Full PDB file with SEQRES, HELIX, SHEET, SSBOND, CRYST1, ORIGX, SCALE, CONECT and MASTER records, all heavy atoms in Angstrom:
SEQRES   1 A   36  GLU ALA LYS ASN VAL ALA GLY TYR ILE LEU ASP LEU ARG          
SEQRES   2 A   36  SER ASN PRO GLY GLY LEU LEU TYR ALA SER ILE GLU ILE          
SEQRES   3 A   36  ALA ARG MET PHE ILE PRO GLU GLY THR ILE                      
HELIX    1 AA1 LEU A   20  PHE A   30  1                                  11    
CRYST1    1.000    1.000    1.000  90.00  90.00  90.00 P 1           1          
ORIGX1      1.000000  0.000000  0.000000        0.00000                         
ORIGX2      0.000000  1.000000  0.000000        0.00000                         
ORIGX3      0.000000  0.000000  1.000000        0.00000                         
SCALE1      1.000000  0.000000  0.000000        0.00000                         
SCALE2      0.000000  1.000000  0.000000        0.00000                         
SCALE3      0.000000  0.000000  1.000000        0.00000                         
ATOM      1  N   GLU A   1     176.673  35.475 170.581  1.00  0.00           N  
ATOM      2  CA  GLU A   1     177.980  35.465 169.921  1.00  0.00           C  
ATOM      3  C   GLU A   1     178.276  36.809 169.243  1.00  0.00           C  
ATOM      4  O   GLU A   1     179.405  37.291 169.249  1.00  0.00           O  
ATOM      5  CB  GLU A   1     178.045  34.328 168.880  1.00  0.00           C  
ATOM      6  CG  GLU A   1     178.142  32.952 169.496  1.00  0.00           C  
ATOM      7  CD  GLU A   1     179.412  32.749 170.295  1.00  0.00           C  
ATOM      8  OE1 GLU A   1     180.502  32.802 169.706  1.00  0.00           O  
ATOM      9  OE2 GLU A   1     179.311  32.531 171.512  1.00  0.00           O  
ATOM     10  N   ALA A   2     177.213  37.439 168.696  1.00  0.00           N  
ATOM     11  CA  ALA A   2     177.405  38.749 168.097  1.00  0.00           C  
ATOM     12  C   ALA A   2     177.812  39.782 169.140  1.00  0.00           C  
ATOM     13  O   ALA A   2     178.485  40.769 168.822  1.00  0.00           O  
ATOM     14  CB  ALA A   2     176.105  39.194 167.392  1.00  0.00           C  
ATOM     15  N   LYS A   3     177.397  39.535 170.381  1.00  0.00           N  
ATOM     16  CA  LYS A   3     177.752  40.439 171.477  1.00  0.00           C  
ATOM     17  C   LYS A   3     179.018  40.004 172.217  1.00  0.00           C  
ATOM     18  O   LYS A   3     179.396  40.589 173.211  1.00  0.00           O  
ATOM     19  CB  LYS A   3     176.582  40.499 172.492  1.00  0.00           C  
ATOM     20  CG  LYS A   3     175.352  41.152 171.888  1.00  0.00           C  
ATOM     21  CD  LYS A   3     174.148  41.080 172.830  1.00  0.00           C  
ATOM     22  CE  LYS A   3     172.928  41.733 172.187  1.00  0.00           C  
ATOM     23  NZ  LYS A   3     171.699  41.579 173.018  1.00  0.00           N  
ATOM     24  N   ASN A   4     179.647  38.966 171.662  1.00  0.00           N  
ATOM     25  CA  ASN A   4     180.949  38.478 172.150  1.00  0.00           C  
ATOM     26  C   ASN A   4     180.939  38.134 173.623  1.00  0.00           C  
ATOM     27  O   ASN A   4     181.771  38.577 174.417  1.00  0.00           O  
ATOM     28  CB  ASN A   4     182.051  39.521 171.877  1.00  0.00           C  
ATOM     29  CG  ASN A   4     183.442  38.916 171.967  1.00  0.00           C  
ATOM     30  OD1 ASN A   4     183.624  37.715 171.724  1.00  0.00           O  
ATOM     31  ND2 ASN A   4     184.404  39.718 172.367  1.00  0.00           N  
ATOM     32  N   VAL A   5     179.967  37.290 174.012  1.00  0.00           N  
ATOM     33  CA  VAL A   5     179.905  36.886 175.419  1.00  0.00           C  
ATOM     34  C   VAL A   5     181.131  36.041 175.755  1.00  0.00           C  
ATOM     35  O   VAL A   5     181.757  35.415 174.893  1.00  0.00           O  
ATOM     36  CB  VAL A   5     178.631  36.072 175.723  1.00  0.00           C  
ATOM     37  CG1 VAL A   5     177.402  36.927 175.551  1.00  0.00           C  
ATOM     38  CG2 VAL A   5     178.550  34.807 174.859  1.00  0.00           C  
ATOM     39  N   ALA A   6     181.484  36.039 177.038  1.00  0.00           N  
ATOM     40  CA  ALA A   6     182.672  35.298 177.477  1.00  0.00           C  
ATOM     41  C   ALA A   6     182.354  33.843 177.813  1.00  0.00           C  
ATOM     42  O   ALA A   6     183.245  32.993 177.848  1.00  0.00           O  
ATOM     43  CB  ALA A   6     183.243  35.991 178.734  1.00  0.00           C  
ATOM     44  N   GLY A   7     181.082  33.561 178.044  1.00  0.00           N  
ATOM     45  CA  GLY A   7     180.712  32.175 178.390  1.00  0.00           C  
ATOM     46  C   GLY A   7     179.192  32.070 178.540  1.00  0.00           C  
ATOM     47  O   GLY A   7     178.448  33.037 178.360  1.00  0.00           O  
ATOM     48  N   TYR A   8     178.737  30.836 178.822  1.00  0.00           N  
ATOM     49  CA  TYR A   8     177.309  30.533 178.861  1.00  0.00           C  
ATOM     50  C   TYR A   8     176.912  29.780 180.130  1.00  0.00           C  
ATOM     51  O   TYR A   8     177.682  28.950 180.631  1.00  0.00           O  
ATOM     52  CB  TYR A   8     176.910  29.643 177.667  1.00  0.00           C  
ATOM     53  CG  TYR A   8     176.920  30.354 176.334  1.00  0.00           C  
ATOM     54  CD1 TYR A   8     178.095  30.442 175.584  1.00  0.00           C  
ATOM     55  CD2 TYR A   8     175.757  30.936 175.840  1.00  0.00           C  
ATOM     56  CE1 TYR A   8     178.119  31.088 174.356  1.00  0.00           C  
ATOM     57  CE2 TYR A   8     175.765  31.595 174.611  1.00  0.00           C  
ATOM     58  CZ  TYR A   8     176.948  31.674 173.870  1.00  0.00           C  
ATOM     59  OH  TYR A   8     176.957  32.316 172.676  1.00  0.00           O  
ATOM     60  N   ILE A   9     175.720  30.111 180.634  1.00  0.00           N  
ATOM     61  CA  ILE A   9     175.061  29.271 181.625  1.00  0.00           C  
ATOM     62  C   ILE A   9     173.772  28.794 180.996  1.00  0.00           C  
ATOM     63  O   ILE A   9     172.909  29.602 180.596  1.00  0.00           O  
ATOM     64  CB  ILE A   9     174.768  30.066 182.924  1.00  0.00           C  
ATOM     65  CG1 ILE A   9     176.073  30.452 183.614  1.00  0.00           C  
ATOM     66  CG2 ILE A   9     173.872  29.226 183.863  1.00  0.00           C  
ATOM     67  CD1 ILE A   9     175.876  31.299 184.873  1.00  0.00           C  
ATOM     68  N   LEU A  10     173.653  27.486 180.873  1.00  0.00           N  
ATOM     69  CA  LEU A  10     172.444  26.859 180.319  1.00  0.00           C  
ATOM     70  C   LEU A  10     171.649  26.269 181.499  1.00  0.00           C  
ATOM     71  O   LEU A  10     172.151  25.405 182.216  1.00  0.00           O  
ATOM     72  CB  LEU A  10     172.805  25.774 179.328  1.00  0.00           C  
ATOM     73  CG  LEU A  10     171.619  24.941 178.763  1.00  0.00           C  
ATOM     74  CD1 LEU A  10     170.657  25.812 178.016  1.00  0.00           C  
ATOM     75  CD2 LEU A  10     172.154  23.833 177.860  1.00  0.00           C  
ATOM     76  N   ASP A  11     170.446  26.726 181.699  1.00  0.00           N  
ATOM     77  CA  ASP A  11     169.611  26.336 182.838  1.00  0.00           C  
ATOM     78  C   ASP A  11     168.578  25.284 182.387  1.00  0.00           C  
ATOM     79  O   ASP A  11     167.633  25.607 181.670  1.00  0.00           O  
ATOM     80  CB  ASP A  11     168.916  27.569 183.396  1.00  0.00           C  
ATOM     81  CG  ASP A  11     168.278  27.321 184.744  1.00  0.00           C  
ATOM     82  OD1 ASP A  11     168.130  26.155 185.129  1.00  0.00           O  
ATOM     83  OD2 ASP A  11     167.927  28.312 185.421  1.00  0.00           O  
ATOM     84  N   LEU A  12     168.802  24.037 182.799  1.00  0.00           N  
ATOM     85  CA  LEU A  12     167.872  22.953 182.479  1.00  0.00           C  
ATOM     86  C   LEU A  12     167.077  22.489 183.697  1.00  0.00           C  
ATOM     87  O   LEU A  12     166.414  21.447 183.649  1.00  0.00           O  
ATOM     88  CB  LEU A  12     168.664  21.735 181.900  1.00  0.00           C  
ATOM     89  CG  LEU A  12     169.394  21.948 180.603  1.00  0.00           C  
ATOM     90  CD1 LEU A  12     170.135  20.675 180.218  1.00  0.00           C  
ATOM     91  CD2 LEU A  12     168.438  22.351 179.475  1.00  0.00           C  
ATOM     92  N   ARG A  13     167.072  23.264 184.752  1.00  0.00           N  
ATOM     93  CA  ARG A  13     166.348  22.867 185.950  1.00  0.00           C  
ATOM     94  C   ARG A  13     164.850  22.786 185.667  1.00  0.00           C  
ATOM     95  O   ARG A  13     164.286  23.648 184.981  1.00  0.00           O  
ATOM     96  CB  ARG A  13     166.627  23.834 187.086  1.00  0.00           C  
ATOM     97  CG  ARG A  13     168.051  23.794 187.627  1.00  0.00           C  
ATOM     98  CD  ARG A  13     168.297  24.885 188.648  1.00  0.00           C  
ATOM     99  NE  ARG A  13     168.192  26.221 188.041  1.00  0.00           N  
ATOM    100  CZ  ARG A  13     168.269  27.342 188.743  1.00  0.00           C  
ATOM    101  NH1 ARG A  13     168.461  27.302 190.071  1.00  0.00           N  
ATOM    102  NH2 ARG A  13     168.193  28.522 188.127  1.00  0.00           N  
ATOM    103  N   SER A  14     164.230  21.745 186.194  1.00  0.00           N  
ATOM    104  CA  SER A  14     162.777  21.500 186.036  1.00  0.00           C  
ATOM    105  C   SER A  14     162.341  21.395 184.581  1.00  0.00           C  
ATOM    106  O   SER A  14     161.184  21.645 184.267  1.00  0.00           O  
ATOM    107  CB  SER A  14     161.971  22.599 186.756  1.00  0.00           C  
ATOM    108  OG  SER A  14     162.205  22.524 188.155  1.00  0.00           O  
ATOM    109  N   ASN A  15     163.255  21.017 183.713  1.00  0.00           N  
ATOM    110  CA  ASN A  15     162.914  20.801 182.304  1.00  0.00           C  
ATOM    111  C   ASN A  15     162.614  19.308 182.118  1.00  0.00           C  
ATOM    112  O   ASN A  15     163.540  18.505 182.141  1.00  0.00           O  
ATOM    113  CB  ASN A  15     164.054  21.258 181.394  1.00  0.00           C  
ATOM    114  CG  ASN A  15     163.727  21.089 179.917  1.00  0.00           C  
ATOM    115  OD1 ASN A  15     163.004  20.186 179.508  1.00  0.00           O  
ATOM    116  ND2 ASN A  15     164.281  21.966 179.099  1.00  0.00           N  
ATOM    117  N   PRO A  16     161.353  18.946 181.899  1.00  0.00           N  
ATOM    118  CA  PRO A  16     160.998  17.525 181.851  1.00  0.00           C  
ATOM    119  C   PRO A  16     161.298  16.828 180.524  1.00  0.00           C  
ATOM    120  O   PRO A  16     161.135  15.634 180.412  1.00  0.00           O  
ATOM    121  CB  PRO A  16     159.489  17.550 182.096  1.00  0.00           C  
ATOM    122  CG  PRO A  16     159.051  18.823 181.503  1.00  0.00           C  
ATOM    123  CD  PRO A  16     160.157  19.806 181.773  1.00  0.00           C  
ATOM    124  N   GLY A  17     161.730  17.575 179.497  1.00  0.00           N  
ATOM    125  CA  GLY A  17     162.083  16.950 178.247  1.00  0.00           C  
ATOM    126  C   GLY A  17     161.286  17.486 177.102  1.00  0.00           C  
ATOM    127  O   GLY A  17     160.869  18.633 177.074  1.00  0.00           O  
ATOM    128  N   GLY A  18     161.022  16.640 176.093  1.00  0.00           N  
ATOM    129  CA  GLY A  18     160.279  17.039 174.914  1.00  0.00           C  
ATOM    130  C   GLY A  18     160.722  16.292 173.676  1.00  0.00           C  
ATOM    131  O   GLY A  18     160.881  15.062 173.719  1.00  0.00           O  
ATOM    132  N   LEU A  19     160.969  16.998 172.615  1.00  0.00           N  
ATOM    133  CA  LEU A  19     161.293  16.374 171.343  1.00  0.00           C  
ATOM    134  C   LEU A  19     162.745  15.906 171.284  1.00  0.00           C  
ATOM    135  O   LEU A  19     163.672  16.660 171.581  1.00  0.00           O  
ATOM    136  CB  LEU A  19     161.051  17.361 170.187  1.00  0.00           C  
ATOM    137  CG  LEU A  19     159.597  17.771 169.976  1.00  0.00           C  
ATOM    138  CD1 LEU A  19     159.527  19.026 169.099  1.00  0.00           C  
ATOM    139  CD2 LEU A  19     158.805  16.633 169.365  1.00  0.00           C  
ATOM    140  N   LEU A  20     162.926  14.661 170.868  1.00  0.00           N  
ATOM    141  CA  LEU A  20     164.277  14.103 170.766  1.00  0.00           C  
ATOM    142  C   LEU A  20     165.151  14.918 169.806  1.00  0.00           C  
ATOM    143  O   LEU A  20     166.305  15.235 170.107  1.00  0.00           O  
ATOM    144  CB  LEU A  20     164.202  12.643 170.310  1.00  0.00           C  
ATOM    145  CG  LEU A  20     165.564  11.993 169.969  1.00  0.00           C  
ATOM    146  CD1 LEU A  20     166.457  11.946 171.166  1.00  0.00           C  
ATOM    147  CD2 LEU A  20     165.354  10.606 169.406  1.00  0.00           C  
ATOM    148  N   TYR A  21     164.605  15.208 168.617  1.00  0.00           N  
ATOM    149  CA  TYR A  21     165.443  15.905 167.628  1.00  0.00           C  
ATOM    150  C   TYR A  21     165.886  17.268 168.129  1.00  0.00           C  
ATOM    151  O   TYR A  21     166.939  17.769 167.776  1.00  0.00           O  
ATOM    152  CB  TYR A  21     164.752  15.993 166.266  1.00  0.00           C  
ATOM    153  CG  TYR A  21     163.627  17.001 166.167  1.00  0.00           C  
ATOM    154  CD1 TYR A  21     163.898  18.356 166.014  1.00  0.00           C  
ATOM    155  CD2 TYR A  21     162.304  16.605 166.206  1.00  0.00           C  
ATOM    156  CE1 TYR A  21     162.864  19.280 165.907  1.00  0.00           C  
ATOM    157  CE2 TYR A  21     161.277  17.509 166.089  1.00  0.00           C  
ATOM    158  CZ  TYR A  21     161.568  18.861 165.939  1.00  0.00           C  
ATOM    159  OH  TYR A  21     160.543  19.781 165.837  1.00  0.00           O  
ATOM    160  N   ALA A  22     165.071  17.892 168.990  1.00  0.00           N  
ATOM    161  CA  ALA A  22     165.447  19.213 169.549  1.00  0.00           C  
ATOM    162  C   ALA A  22     166.652  19.058 170.455  1.00  0.00           C  
ATOM    163  O   ALA A  22     167.578  19.907 170.418  1.00  0.00           O  
ATOM    164  CB  ALA A  22     164.281  19.825 170.277  1.00  0.00           C  
ATOM    165  N   SER A  23     166.678  18.008 171.268  1.00  0.00           N  
ATOM    166  CA  SER A  23     167.835  17.823 172.159  1.00  0.00           C  
ATOM    167  C   SER A  23     169.114  17.544 171.379  1.00  0.00           C  
ATOM    168  O   SER A  23     170.182  18.019 171.709  1.00  0.00           O  
ATOM    169  CB  SER A  23     167.571  16.682 173.152  1.00  0.00           C  
ATOM    170  OG  SER A  23     167.524  15.422 172.492  1.00  0.00           O  
ATOM    171  N   ILE A  24     168.978  16.798 170.273  1.00  0.00           N  
ATOM    172  CA  ILE A  24     170.173  16.508 169.443  1.00  0.00           C  
ATOM    173  C   ILE A  24     170.643  17.763 168.721  1.00  0.00           C  
ATOM    174  O   ILE A  24     171.830  18.067 168.673  1.00  0.00           O  
ATOM    175  CB  ILE A  24     169.830  15.384 168.439  1.00  0.00           C  
ATOM    176  CG1 ILE A  24     169.576  14.056 169.198  1.00  0.00           C  
ATOM    177  CG2 ILE A  24     170.955  15.195 167.432  1.00  0.00           C  
ATOM    178  CD1 ILE A  24     169.023  12.964 168.341  1.00  0.00           C  
ATOM    179  N   GLU A  25     169.694  18.507 168.149  1.00  0.00           N  
ATOM    180  CA  GLU A  25     170.082  19.757 167.452  1.00  0.00           C  
ATOM    181  C   GLU A  25     170.752  20.735 168.397  1.00  0.00           C  
ATOM    182  O   GLU A  25     171.755  21.370 168.052  1.00  0.00           O  
ATOM    183  CB  GLU A  25     168.850  20.403 166.828  1.00  0.00           C  
ATOM    184  CG  GLU A  25     168.362  19.731 165.553  1.00  0.00           C  
ATOM    185  CD  GLU A  25     167.293  20.572 164.859  1.00  0.00           C  
ATOM    186  OE1 GLU A  25     167.390  21.801 164.867  1.00  0.00           O  
ATOM    187  OE2 GLU A  25     166.366  19.949 164.320  1.00  0.00           O  
ATOM    188  N   ILE A  26     170.220  20.854 169.601  1.00  0.00           N  
ATOM    189  CA  ILE A  26     170.802  21.802 170.558  1.00  0.00           C  
ATOM    190  C   ILE A  26     172.189  21.328 171.002  1.00  0.00           C  
ATOM    191  O   ILE A  26     173.119  22.138 171.135  1.00  0.00           O  
ATOM    192  CB  ILE A  26     169.852  22.000 171.744  1.00  0.00           C  
ATOM    193  CG1 ILE A  26     168.606  22.773 171.267  1.00  0.00           C  
ATOM    194  CG2 ILE A  26     170.539  22.756 172.884  1.00  0.00           C  
ATOM    195  CD1 ILE A  26     167.504  22.853 172.306  1.00  0.00           C  
ATOM    196  N   ALA A  27     172.352  20.038 171.218  1.00  0.00           N  
ATOM    197  CA  ALA A  27     173.674  19.498 171.576  1.00  0.00           C  
ATOM    198  C   ALA A  27     174.692  19.840 170.496  1.00  0.00           C  
ATOM    199  O   ALA A  27     175.840  20.214 170.777  1.00  0.00           O  
ATOM    200  CB  ALA A  27     173.593  17.995 171.794  1.00  0.00           C  
ATOM    201  N   ARG A  28     174.282  19.747 169.241  1.00  0.00           N  
ATOM    202  CA  ARG A  28     175.197  20.045 168.120  1.00  0.00           C  
ATOM    203  C   ARG A  28     175.605  21.521 168.061  1.00  0.00           C  
ATOM    204  O   ARG A  28     176.608  21.847 167.457  1.00  0.00           O  
ATOM    205  CB  ARG A  28     174.532  19.617 166.803  1.00  0.00           C  
ATOM    206  CG  ARG A  28     174.508  18.096 166.603  1.00  0.00           C  
ATOM    207  CD  ARG A  28     173.684  17.697 165.411  1.00  0.00           C  
ATOM    208  NE  ARG A  28     173.805  16.262 165.185  1.00  0.00           N  
ATOM    209  CZ  ARG A  28     172.938  15.542 164.474  1.00  0.00           C  
ATOM    210  NH1 ARG A  28     171.874  16.150 163.920  1.00  0.00           N  
ATOM    211  NH2 ARG A  28     173.107  14.258 164.296  1.00  0.00           N  
ATOM    212  N   MET A  29     174.806  22.384 168.700  1.00  0.00           N  
ATOM    213  CA  MET A  29     175.152  23.817 168.706  1.00  0.00           C  
ATOM    214  C   MET A  29     176.351  24.074 169.650  1.00  0.00           C  
ATOM    215  O   MET A  29     177.027  25.094 169.483  1.00  0.00           O  
ATOM    216  CB  MET A  29     173.943  24.635 169.150  1.00  0.00           C  
ATOM    217  CG  MET A  29     172.791  24.573 168.187  1.00  0.00           C  
ATOM    218  SD  MET A  29     171.330  25.468 168.809  1.00  0.00           S  
ATOM    219  CE  MET A  29     170.046  24.797 167.723  1.00  0.00           C  
ATOM    220  N   PHE A  30     176.580  23.162 170.577  1.00  0.00           N  
ATOM    221  CA  PHE A  30     177.660  23.351 171.559  1.00  0.00           C  
ATOM    222  C   PHE A  30     178.816  22.361 171.375  1.00  0.00           C  
ATOM    223  O   PHE A  30     179.939  22.644 171.761  1.00  0.00           O  
ATOM    224  CB  PHE A  30     177.107  23.238 172.968  1.00  0.00           C  
ATOM    225  CG  PHE A  30     176.157  24.303 173.348  1.00  0.00           C  
ATOM    226  CD1 PHE A  30     174.798  24.049 173.420  1.00  0.00           C  
ATOM    227  CD2 PHE A  30     176.596  25.595 173.662  1.00  0.00           C  
ATOM    228  CE1 PHE A  30     173.889  25.049 173.778  1.00  0.00           C  
ATOM    229  CE2 PHE A  30     175.698  26.598 174.020  1.00  0.00           C  
ATOM    230  CZ  PHE A  30     174.365  26.319 174.078  1.00  0.00           C  
ATOM    231  N   ILE A  31     178.520  21.189 170.824  1.00  0.00           N  
ATOM    232  CA  ILE A  31     179.524  20.121 170.706  1.00  0.00           C  
ATOM    233  C   ILE A  31     179.987  20.011 169.256  1.00  0.00           C  
ATOM    234  O   ILE A  31     179.181  19.707 168.374  1.00  0.00           O  
ATOM    235  CB  ILE A  31     178.949  18.777 171.189  1.00  0.00           C  
ATOM    236  CG1 ILE A  31     178.473  18.859 172.644  1.00  0.00           C  
ATOM    237  CG2 ILE A  31     179.952  17.643 171.017  1.00  0.00           C  
ATOM    238  CD1 ILE A  31     177.703  17.664 173.103  1.00  0.00           C  
ATOM    239  N   PRO A  32     181.284  20.232 168.969  1.00  0.00           N  
ATOM    240  CA  PRO A  32     181.733  20.193 167.582  1.00  0.00           C  
ATOM    241  C   PRO A  32     181.823  18.794 167.000  1.00  0.00           C  
ATOM    242  O   PRO A  32     181.506  18.567 165.817  1.00  0.00           O  
ATOM    243  CB  PRO A  32     183.122  20.850 167.643  1.00  0.00           C  
ATOM    244  CG  PRO A  32     183.563  20.644 169.066  1.00  0.00           C  
ATOM    245  CD  PRO A  32     182.351  20.676 169.905  1.00  0.00           C  
ATOM    246  N   GLU A  33     182.232  17.821 167.808  1.00  0.00           N  
ATOM    247  CA  GLU A  33     182.359  16.454 167.318  1.00  0.00           C  
ATOM    248  C   GLU A  33     182.203  15.462 168.462  1.00  0.00           C  
ATOM    249  O   GLU A  33     182.338  15.827 169.633  1.00  0.00           O  
ATOM    250  CB  GLU A  33     183.711  16.243 166.621  1.00  0.00           C  
ATOM    251  CG  GLU A  33     184.912  16.522 167.529  1.00  0.00           C  
ATOM    252  CD  GLU A  33     186.218  16.409 166.786  1.00  0.00           C  
ATOM    253  OE1 GLU A  33     186.193  16.263 165.554  1.00  0.00           O  
ATOM    254  OE2 GLU A  33     187.287  16.452 167.457  1.00  0.00           O  
ATOM    255  N   GLY A  34     181.902  14.222 168.112  1.00  0.00           N  
ATOM    256  CA  GLY A  34     181.727  13.217 169.130  1.00  0.00           C  
ATOM    257  C   GLY A  34     180.283  12.722 169.204  1.00  0.00           C  
ATOM    258  O   GLY A  34     179.380  13.255 168.566  1.00  0.00           O  
ATOM    259  N   THR A  35     180.083  11.693 170.016  1.00  0.00           N  
ATOM    260  CA  THR A  35     178.759  11.107 170.182  1.00  0.00           C  
ATOM    261  C   THR A  35     177.894  11.971 171.074  1.00  0.00           C  
ATOM    262  O   THR A  35     178.350  12.588 172.045  1.00  0.00           O  
ATOM    263  CB  THR A  35     178.892   9.696 170.823  1.00  0.00           C  
ATOM    264  OG1 THR A  35     179.664   8.866 169.946  1.00  0.00           O  
ATOM    265  CG2 THR A  35     177.533   9.061 171.062  1.00  0.00           C  
ATOM    266  N   ILE A  36     176.591  12.021 170.760  1.00  0.00           N  
ATOM    267  CA  ILE A  36     175.630  12.740 171.567  1.00  0.00           C  
ATOM    268  C   ILE A  36     174.809  11.759 172.408  1.00  0.00           C  
ATOM    269  O   ILE A  36     174.661  11.919 173.618  1.00  0.00           O  
ATOM    270  CB  ILE A  36     174.710  13.614 170.708  1.00  0.00           C  
ATOM    271  CG1 ILE A  36     175.520  14.737 170.065  1.00  0.00           C  
ATOM    272  CG2 ILE A  36     173.540  14.167 171.508  1.00  0.00           C  
ATOM    273  CD1 ILE A  36     174.766  15.525 169.025  1.00  0.00           C  
TER     274      ILE A  36                                                      
MASTER        0    0    0    1    0    0    0    6  273    1    0    3          
END                                                                             
């Protein structure tokens, strides 16, 4: 954001998962409101 990117590609290929709270925290970084 400091470098003023125009957009994002998030690569989740071959990601088997992990901590629940991490997935929720990361979702909140991109989603302003609504259910996760």
